[in-house]
Amino acid sequence: MRIIAEIPHSQFKISVFSWNSKYIIKIELGNFEQAFKLREDEVSGLEDIKKLLTDSFLEKSLKNFIEMRSAFSESLSKL
């Protein structure tokens, strides 16, 4: 797996990788991460990938992170 780019963002660490004829978009916030895979033929390159990262998409990703943290904290509190 090789890194293609790191896309600047005020809240997230966003990295784009190339692996096995796929692009992997990894969004990180604290100890949590979300990964999205695309076949290389679904987009024409990095510029198309950047276009996917709309404000709406990233807001939904933030909501996912909040849900992930909540679920993890709930599970961890039961130990």
PDB file of N, CA and C in Angstrom:
ATOM      1  N   MET A   1       0.855  -1.161   0.000  1.00  0.00           N
ATOM      2  CA  MET A   1       0.000   0.000   0.000  1.00  0.00           C
ATOM      3  C   MET A   1       0.905   1.229   0.000  1.00  0.00           C
ATOM      4  N   ARG A   2       0.586   2.143  -0.880  1.00  0.00           N
ATOM      5  CA  ARG A   2       1.385   3.376  -0.912  1.00  0.00           C
ATOM      6  C   ARG A   2       0.475   4.587  -0.758  1.00  0.00           C
ATOM      7  N   ILE A   3       0.999   5.587  -0.084  1.00  0.00           N
ATOM      8  CA  ILE A   3       0.214   6.798   0.131  1.00  0.00           C
ATOM      9  C   ILE A   3       0.274   7.673  -1.121  1.00  0.00           C
ATOM     10  N   ILE A   4      -0.896   8.147  -1.537  1.00  0.00           N
ATOM     11  CA  ILE A   4      -1.005   9.019  -2.702  1.00  0.00           C
ATOM     12  C   ILE A   4      -1.010  10.482  -2.265  1.00  0.00           C
ATOM     13  N   ALA A   5      -1.772  10.757  -1.183  1.00  0.00           N
ATOM     14  CA  ALA A   5      -1.899  12.152  -0.741  1.00  0.00           C
ATOM     15  C   ALA A   5      -2.411  12.204   0.684  1.00  0.00           C
ATOM     16  N   GLU A   6      -2.129  13.327   1.319  1.00  0.00           N
ATOM     17  CA  GLU A   6      -2.776  13.702   2.568  1.00  0.00           C
ATOM     18  C   GLU A   6      -3.520  14.990   2.264  1.00  0.00           C
ATOM     19  N   ILE A   7      -4.815  14.969   2.525  1.00  0.00           N
ATOM     20  CA  ILE A   7      -5.659  16.111   2.183  1.00  0.00           C
ATOM     21  C   ILE A   7      -5.896  16.924   3.446  1.00  0.00           C
ATOM     22  N   PRO A   8      -5.487  18.183   3.444  1.00  0.00           N
ATOM     23  CA  PRO A   8      -5.639  19.010   4.644  1.00  0.00           C
ATOM     24  C   PRO A   8      -7.107  19.209   5.034  1.00  0.00           C
ATOM     25  N   HIS A   9      -7.353  19.160   6.326  1.00  0.00           N
ATOM     26  CA  HIS A   9      -8.692  19.425   6.858  1.00  0.00           C
ATOM     27  C   HIS A   9      -8.536  19.906   8.298  1.00  0.00           C
ATOM     28  N   SER A  10      -9.429  20.786   8.728  1.00  0.00           N
ATOM     29  CA  SER A  10      -9.315  21.373  10.065  1.00  0.00           C
ATOM     30  C   SER A  10      -9.617  20.390  11.188  1.00  0.00           C
ATOM     31  N   GLN A  11     -10.443  19.361  10.944  1.00  0.00           N
ATOM     32  CA  GLN A  11     -10.813  18.416  11.997  1.00  0.00           C
ATOM     33  C   GLN A  11     -10.213  17.037  11.823  1.00  0.00           C
ATOM     34  N   PHE A  12     -10.118  16.577  10.599  1.00  0.00           N
ATOM     35  CA  PHE A  12      -9.733  15.203  10.320  1.00  0.00           C
ATOM     36  C   PHE A  12      -8.338  15.103   9.718  1.00  0.00           C
ATOM     37  N   LYS A  13      -7.760  13.928   9.877  1.00  0.00           N
ATOM     38  CA  LYS A  13      -6.592  13.570   9.074  1.00  0.00           C
ATOM     39  C   LYS A  13      -7.146  12.719   7.935  1.00  0.00           C
ATOM     40  N   ILE A  14      -6.968  13.175   6.716  1.00  0.00           N
ATOM     41  CA  ILE A  14      -7.486  12.468   5.549  1.00  0.00           C
ATOM     42  C   ILE A  14      -6.305  12.020   4.691  1.00  0.00           C
ATOM     43  N   SER A  15      -6.219  10.708   4.484  1.00  0.00           N
ATOM     44  CA  SER A  15      -5.140  10.136   3.679  1.00  0.00           C
ATOM     45  C   SER A  15      -5.749   9.327   2.540  1.00  0.00           C
ATOM     46  N   VAL A  16      -5.061   9.324   1.408  1.00  0.00           N
ATOM     47  CA  VAL A  16      -5.493   8.538   0.260  1.00  0.00           C
ATOM     48  C   VAL A  16      -4.361   7.577  -0.089  1.00  0.00           C
ATOM     49  N   PHE A  17      -4.715   6.302  -0.203  1.00  0.00           N
ATOM     50  CA  PHE A  17      -3.750   5.259  -0.512  1.00  0.00           C
ATOM     51  C   PHE A  17      -4.124   4.572  -1.815  1.00  0.00           C
ATOM     52  N   SER A  18      -3.148   3.930  -2.427  1.00  0.00           N
ATOM     53  CA  SER A  18      -3.375   3.079  -3.584  1.00  0.00           C
ATOM     54  C   SER A  18      -2.935   1.672  -3.204  1.00  0.00           C
ATOM     55  N   TRP A  19      -3.827   0.697  -3.482  1.00  0.00           N
ATOM     56  CA  TRP A  19      -3.512  -0.684  -3.133  1.00  0.00           C
ATOM     57  C   TRP A  19      -4.409  -1.631  -3.903  1.00  0.00           C
ATOM     58  N   ASN A  20      -3.839  -2.616  -4.557  1.00  0.00           N
ATOM     59  CA  ASN A  20      -4.599  -3.663  -5.241  1.00  0.00           C
ATOM     60  C   ASN A  20      -5.632  -3.103  -6.228  1.00  0.00           C
ATOM     61  N   SER A  21      -5.236  -2.163  -7.033  1.00  0.00           N
ATOM     62  CA  SER A  21      -6.126  -1.521  -8.015  1.00  0.00           C
ATOM     63  C   SER A  21      -7.303  -0.801  -7.373  1.00  0.00           C
ATOM     64  N   LYS A  22      -7.103  -0.340  -6.138  1.00  0.00           N
ATOM     65  CA  LYS A  22      -8.125   0.411  -5.427  1.00  0.00           C
ATOM     66  C   LYS A  22      -7.504   1.647  -4.800  1.00  0.00           C
ATOM     67  N   TYR A  23      -8.351   2.647  -4.618  1.00  0.00           N
ATOM     68  CA  TYR A  23      -7.993   3.783  -3.783  1.00  0.00           C
ATOM     69  C   TYR A  23      -8.663   3.574  -2.438  1.00  0.00           C
ATOM     70  N   ILE A  24      -7.961   3.873  -1.391  1.00  0.00           N
ATOM     71  CA  ILE A  24      -8.511   3.802  -0.042  1.00  0.00           C
ATOM     72  C   ILE A  24      -8.439   5.201   0.547  1.00  0.00           C
ATOM     73  N   ILE A  25      -9.605   5.718   0.918  1.00  0.00           N
ATOM     74  CA  ILE A  25      -9.680   7.024   1.576  1.00  0.00           C
ATOM     75  C   ILE A  25      -9.823   6.740   3.060  1.00  0.00           C
ATOM     76  N   LYS A  26      -8.865   7.200   3.849  1.00  0.00           N
ATOM     77  CA  LYS A  26      -8.907   6.969   5.287  1.00  0.00           C
ATOM     78  C   LYS A  26      -9.095   8.310   5.993  1.00  0.00           C
ATOM     79  N   ILE A  27     -10.140   8.377   6.804  1.00  0.00           N
ATOM     80  CA  ILE A  27     -10.452   9.577   7.575  1.00  0.00           C
ATOM     81  C   ILE A  27     -10.264   9.239   9.037  1.00  0.00           C
ATOM     82  N   GLU A  28      -9.430  10.004   9.724  1.00  0.00           N
ATOM     83  CA  GLU A  28      -9.128   9.734  11.127  1.00  0.00           C
ATOM     84  C   GLU A  28      -9.534  10.910  12.004  1.00  0.00           C
ATOM     85  N   LEU A  29     -10.023  10.570  13.184  1.00  0.00           N
ATOM     86  CA  LEU A  29     -10.335  11.561  14.209  1.00  0.00           C
ATOM     87  C   LEU A  29     -10.011  10.917  15.545  1.00  0.00           C
ATOM     88  N   GLY A  30      -8.980  11.409  16.203  1.00  0.00           N
ATOM     89  CA  GLY A  30      -8.563  10.825  17.476  1.00  0.00           C
ATOM     90  C   GLY A  30      -8.163   9.371  17.289  1.00  0.00           C
ATOM     91  N   ASN A  31      -8.740   8.497  18.108  1.00  0.00           N
ATOM     92  CA  ASN A  31      -8.400   7.074  18.058  1.00  0.00           C
ATOM     93  C   ASN A  31      -9.248   6.273  17.077  1.00  0.00           C
ATOM     94  N   PHE A  32     -10.083   6.941  16.313  1.00  0.00           N
ATOM     95  CA  PHE A  32     -11.005   6.250  15.423  1.00  0.00           C
ATOM     96  C   PHE A  32     -10.698   6.586  13.964  1.00  0.00           C
ATOM     97  N   GLU A  33     -11.073   5.649  13.093  1.00  0.00           N
ATOM     98  CA  GLU A  33     -10.871   5.890  11.666  1.00  0.00           C
ATOM     99  C   GLU A  33     -11.982   5.240  10.859  1.00  0.00           C
ATOM    100  N   GLN A  34     -12.231   5.814   9.703  1.00  0.00           N
ATOM    101  CA  GLN A  34     -13.173   5.273   8.727  1.00  0.00           C
ATOM    102  C   GLN A  34     -12.413   5.126   7.419  1.00  0.00           C
ATOM    103  N   ALA A  35     -12.676   4.042   6.715  1.00  0.00           N
ATOM    104  CA  ALA A  35     -11.998   3.812   5.441  1.00  0.00           C
ATOM    105  C   ALA A  35     -13.036   3.526   4.364  1.00  0.00           C
ATOM    106  N   PHE A  36     -12.798   4.079   3.193  1.00  0.00           N
ATOM    107  CA  PHE A  36     -13.678   3.914   2.044  1.00  0.00           C
ATOM    108  C   PHE A  36     -12.823   3.461   0.862  1.00  0.00           C
ATOM    109  N   LYS A  37     -13.253   2.400   0.201  1.00  0.00           N
ATOM    110  CA  LYS A  37     -12.491   1.853  -0.917  1.00  0.00           C
ATOM    111  C   LYS A  37     -13.222   2.103  -2.224  1.00  0.00           C
ATOM    112  N   LEU A  38     -12.449   2.470  -3.225  1.00  0.00           N
ATOM    113  CA  LEU A  38     -12.960   2.689  -4.583  1.00  0.00           C
ATOM    114  C   LEU A  38     -12.071   1.945  -5.563  1.00  0.00           C
ATOM    115  N   ARG A  39     -12.687   1.319  -6.552  1.00  0.00           N
ATOM    116  CA  ARG A  39     -11.868   0.770  -7.634  1.00  0.00           C
ATOM    117  C   ARG A  39     -11.243   1.928  -8.404  1.00  0.00           C
ATOM    118  N   GLU A  40     -10.051   1.741  -8.882  1.00  0.00           N
ATOM    119  CA  GLU A  40      -9.366   2.812  -9.615  1.00  0.00           C
ATOM    120  C   GLU A  40     -10.145   3.269 -10.841  1.00  0.00           C
ATOM    121  N   ASP A  41     -10.942   2.376 -11.410  1.00  0.00           N
ATOM    122  CA  ASP A  41     -11.705   2.771 -12.609  1.00  0.00           C
ATOM    123  C   ASP A  41     -12.998   3.524 -12.275  1.00  0.00           C
ATOM    124  N   GLU A  42     -13.325   3.694 -10.992  1.00  0.00           N
ATOM    125  CA  GLU A  42     -14.522   4.449 -10.598  1.00  0.00           C
ATOM    126  C   GLU A  42     -14.285   5.952 -10.596  1.00  0.00           C
ATOM    127  N   VAL A  43     -13.032   6.353 -10.509  1.00  0.00           N
ATOM    128  CA  VAL A  43     -12.664   7.771 -10.507  1.00  0.00           C
ATOM    129  C   VAL A  43     -11.479   7.968 -11.429  1.00  0.00           C
ATOM    130  N   SER A  44     -11.266   9.220 -11.839  1.00  0.00           N
ATOM    131  CA  SER A  44     -10.151   9.460 -12.758  1.00  0.00           C
ATOM    132  C   SER A  44      -8.862   9.848 -12.038  1.00  0.00           C
ATOM    133  N   GLY A  45      -8.896   9.906 -10.709  1.00  0.00           N
ATOM    134  CA  GLY A  45      -7.678  10.212  -9.972  1.00  0.00           C
ATOM    135  C   GLY A  45      -7.957  11.029  -8.725  1.00  0.00           C
ATOM    136  N   LEU A  46      -6.918  11.631  -8.211  1.00  0.00           N
ATOM    137  CA  LEU A  46      -6.970  12.352  -6.953  1.00  0.00           C
ATOM    138  C   LEU A  46      -7.966  13.513  -6.966  1.00  0.00           C
ATOM    139  N   GLU A  47      -8.078  14.211  -8.068  1.00  0.00           N
ATOM    140  CA  GLU A  47      -9.008  15.344  -8.131  1.00  0.00           C
ATOM    141  C   GLU A  47     -10.454  14.872  -7.944  1.00  0.00           C
ATOM    142  N   ASP A  48     -10.802  13.745  -8.538  1.00  0.00           N
ATOM    143  CA  ASP A  48     -12.146  13.196  -8.334  1.00  0.00           C
ATOM    144  C   ASP A  48     -12.347  12.766  -6.885  1.00  0.00           C
ATOM    145  N   ILE A  49     -11.338  12.193  -6.298  1.00  0.00           N
ATOM    146  CA  ILE A  49     -11.433  11.782  -4.891  1.00  0.00           C
ATOM    147  C   ILE A  49     -11.674  13.004  -4.011  1.00  0.00           C
ATOM    148  N   LYS A  50     -10.969  14.086  -4.272  1.00  0.00           N
ATOM    149  CA  LYS A  50     -11.176  15.315  -3.496  1.00  0.00           C
ATOM    150  C   LYS A  50     -12.601  15.830  -3.652  1.00  0.00           C
ATOM    151  N   LYS A  51     -13.176  15.677  -4.848  1.00  0.00           N
ATOM    152  CA  LYS A  51     -14.553  16.119  -5.080  1.00  0.00           C
ATOM    153  C   LYS A  51     -15.558  15.303  -4.274  1.00  0.00           C
ATOM    154  N   LEU A  52     -15.220  14.058  -3.951  1.00  0.00           N
ATOM    155  CA  LEU A  52     -16.091  13.226  -3.128  1.00  0.00           C
ATOM    156  C   LEU A  52     -16.197  13.729  -1.690  1.00  0.00           C
ATOM    157  N   LEU A  53     -15.176  14.421  -1.233  1.00  0.00           N
ATOM    158  CA  LEU A  53     -15.092  14.835   0.170  1.00  0.00           C
ATOM    159  C   LEU A  53     -15.818  16.158   0.394  1.00  0.00           C
ATOM    160  N   THR A  54     -17.108  16.149   0.112  1.00  0.00           N
ATOM    161  CA  THR A  54     -17.921  17.349   0.262  1.00  0.00           C
ATOM    162  C   THR A  54     -18.169  17.649   1.738  1.00  0.00           C
ATOM    163  N   ASP A  55     -18.628  18.856   2.018  1.00  0.00           N
ATOM    164  CA  ASP A  55     -18.976  19.213   3.396  1.00  0.00           C
ATOM    165  C   ASP A  55     -20.028  18.256   3.950  1.00  0.00           C
ATOM    166  N   SER A  56     -21.011  17.934   3.138  1.00  0.00           N
ATOM    167  CA  SER A  56     -22.078  17.025   3.567  1.00  0.00           C
ATOM    168  C   SER A  56     -21.522  15.649   3.929  1.00  0.00           C
ATOM    169  N   PHE A  57     -20.665  15.104   3.080  1.00  0.00           N
ATOM    170  CA  PHE A  57     -20.058  13.799   3.339  1.00  0.00           C
ATOM    171  C   PHE A  57     -19.251  13.831   4.632  1.00  0.00           C
ATOM    172  N   LEU A  58     -18.448  14.881   4.822  1.00  0.00           N
ATOM    173  CA  LEU A  58     -17.606  14.956   6.011  1.00  0.00           C
ATOM    174  C   LEU A  58     -18.426  15.203   7.276  1.00  0.00           C
ATOM    175  N   GLU A  59     -19.550  15.900   7.169  1.00  0.00           N
ATOM    176  CA  GLU A  59     -20.447  16.063   8.319  1.00  0.00           C
ATOM    177  C   GLU A  59     -21.024  14.710   8.729  1.00  0.00           C
ATOM    178  N   LYS A  60     -21.392  13.901   7.753  1.00  0.00           N
ATOM    179  CA  LYS A  60     -21.898  12.558   8.048  1.00  0.00           C
ATOM    180  C   LYS A  60     -20.800  11.683   8.642  1.00  0.00           C
ATOM    181  N   SER A  61     -19.583  11.869   8.183  1.00  0.00           N
ATOM    182  CA  SER A  61     -18.460  11.142   8.769  1.00  0.00           C
ATOM    183  C   SER A  61     -18.274  11.522  10.228  1.00  0.00           C
ATOM    184  N   LEU A  62     -18.425  12.810  10.544  1.00  0.00           N
ATOM    185  CA  LEU A  62     -18.322  13.261  11.929  1.00  0.00           C
ATOM    186  C   LEU A  62     -19.405  12.592  12.782  1.00  0.00           C
ATOM    187  N   LYS A  63     -20.614  12.521  12.274  1.00  0.00           N
ATOM    188  CA  LYS A  63     -21.689  11.841  13.010  1.00  0.00           C
ATOM    189  C   LYS A  63     -21.347  10.370  13.229  1.00  0.00           C
ATOM    190  N   ASN A  64     -20.756   9.743  12.231  1.00  0.00           N
ATOM    191  CA  ASN A  64     -20.319   8.352  12.387  1.00  0.00           C
ATOM    192  C   ASN A  64     -19.279   8.230  13.487  1.00  0.00           C
ATOM    193  N   PHE A  65     -18.337   9.163  13.539  1.00  0.00           N
ATOM    194  CA  PHE A  65     -17.315   9.137  14.594  1.00  0.00           C
ATOM    195  C   PHE A  65     -17.955   9.271  15.975  1.00  0.00           C
ATOM    196  N   ILE A  66     -18.938  10.139  16.091  1.00  0.00           N
ATOM    197  CA  ILE A  66     -19.626  10.330  17.376  1.00  0.00           C
ATOM    198  C   ILE A  66     -20.320   9.029  17.789  1.00  0.00           C
ATOM    199  N   GLU A  67     -20.990   8.370  16.839  1.00  0.00           N
ATOM    200  CA  GLU A  67     -21.642   7.093  17.121  1.00  0.00           C
ATOM    201  C   GLU A  67     -20.617   6.017  17.487  1.00  0.00           C
ATOM    202  N   MET A  68     -19.499   5.995  16.768  1.00  0.00           N
ATOM    203  CA  MET A  68     -18.446   5.019  17.060  1.00  0.00           C
ATOM    204  C   MET A  68     -17.922   5.207  18.482  1.00  0.00           C
ATOM    205  N   ARG A  69     -17.649   6.451  18.838  1.00  0.00           N
ATOM    206  CA  ARG A  69     -17.115   6.740  20.174  1.00  0.00           C
ATOM    207  C   ARG A  69     -18.121   6.343  21.247  1.00  0.00           C
ATOM    208  N   SER A  70     -19.396   6.647  21.020  1.00  0.00           N
ATOM    209  CA  SER A  70     -20.434   6.311  21.970  1.00  0.00           C
ATOM    210  C   SER A  70     -20.538   4.790  22.166  1.00  0.00           C
ATOM    211  N   ALA A  71     -20.580   4.055  21.068  1.00  0.00           N
ATOM    212  CA  ALA A  71     -20.671   2.597  21.139  1.00  0.00           C
ATOM    213  C   ALA A  71     -19.457   2.011  21.834  1.00  0.00           C
ATOM    214  N   PHE A  72     -18.283   2.517  21.515  1.00  0.00           N
ATOM    215  CA  PHE A  72     -17.055   2.003  22.117  1.00  0.00           C
ATOM    216  C   PHE A  72     -17.015   2.319  23.617  1.00  0.00           C
ATOM    217  N   SER A  73     -17.361   3.545  23.980  1.00  0.00           N
ATOM    218  CA  SER A  73     -17.357   3.939  25.390  1.00  0.00           C
ATOM    219  C   SER A  73     -18.347   3.097  26.193  1.00  0.00           C
ATOM    220  N   GLU A  74     -19.513   2.846  25.616  1.00  0.00           N
ATOM    221  CA  GLU A  74     -20.514   2.026  26.291  1.00  0.00           C
ATOM    222  C   GLU A  74     -19.985   0.614  26.516  1.00  0.00           C
ATOM    223  N   SER A  75     -19.383   0.055  25.507  1.00  0.00           N
ATOM    224  CA  SER A  75     -18.826  -1.286  25.624  1.00  0.00           C
ATOM    225  C   SER A  75     -17.666  -1.324  26.616  1.00  0.00           C
ATOM    226  N   LEU A  76     -16.819  -0.316  26.559  1.00  0.00           N
ATOM    227  CA  LEU A  76     -15.660  -0.250  27.451  1.00  0.00           C
ATOM    228  C   LEU A  76     -16.089  -0.110  28.908  1.00  0.00           C
ATOM    229  N   SER A  77     -17.171   0.603  29.151  1.00  0.00           N
ATOM    230  CA  SER A  77     -17.626   0.803  30.531  1.00  0.00           C
ATOM    231  C   SER A  77     -18.128  -0.483  31.165  1.00  0.00           C
ATOM    232  N   LYS A  78     -18.410  -1.503  30.361  1.00  0.00           N
ATOM    233  CA  LYS A  78     -18.902  -2.779  30.871  1.00  0.00           C
ATOM    234  C   LYS A  78     -17.776  -3.740  31.274  1.00  0.00           C
ATOM    235  N   LEU A  79     -16.551  -3.330  31.044  1.00  0.00           N
ATOM    236  CA  LEU A  79     -15.411  -4.195  31.427  1.00  0.00           C
ATOM    237  C   LEU A  79     -15.214  -4.200  32.927  1.00  0.00           C
TER     238      LEU A  79
END
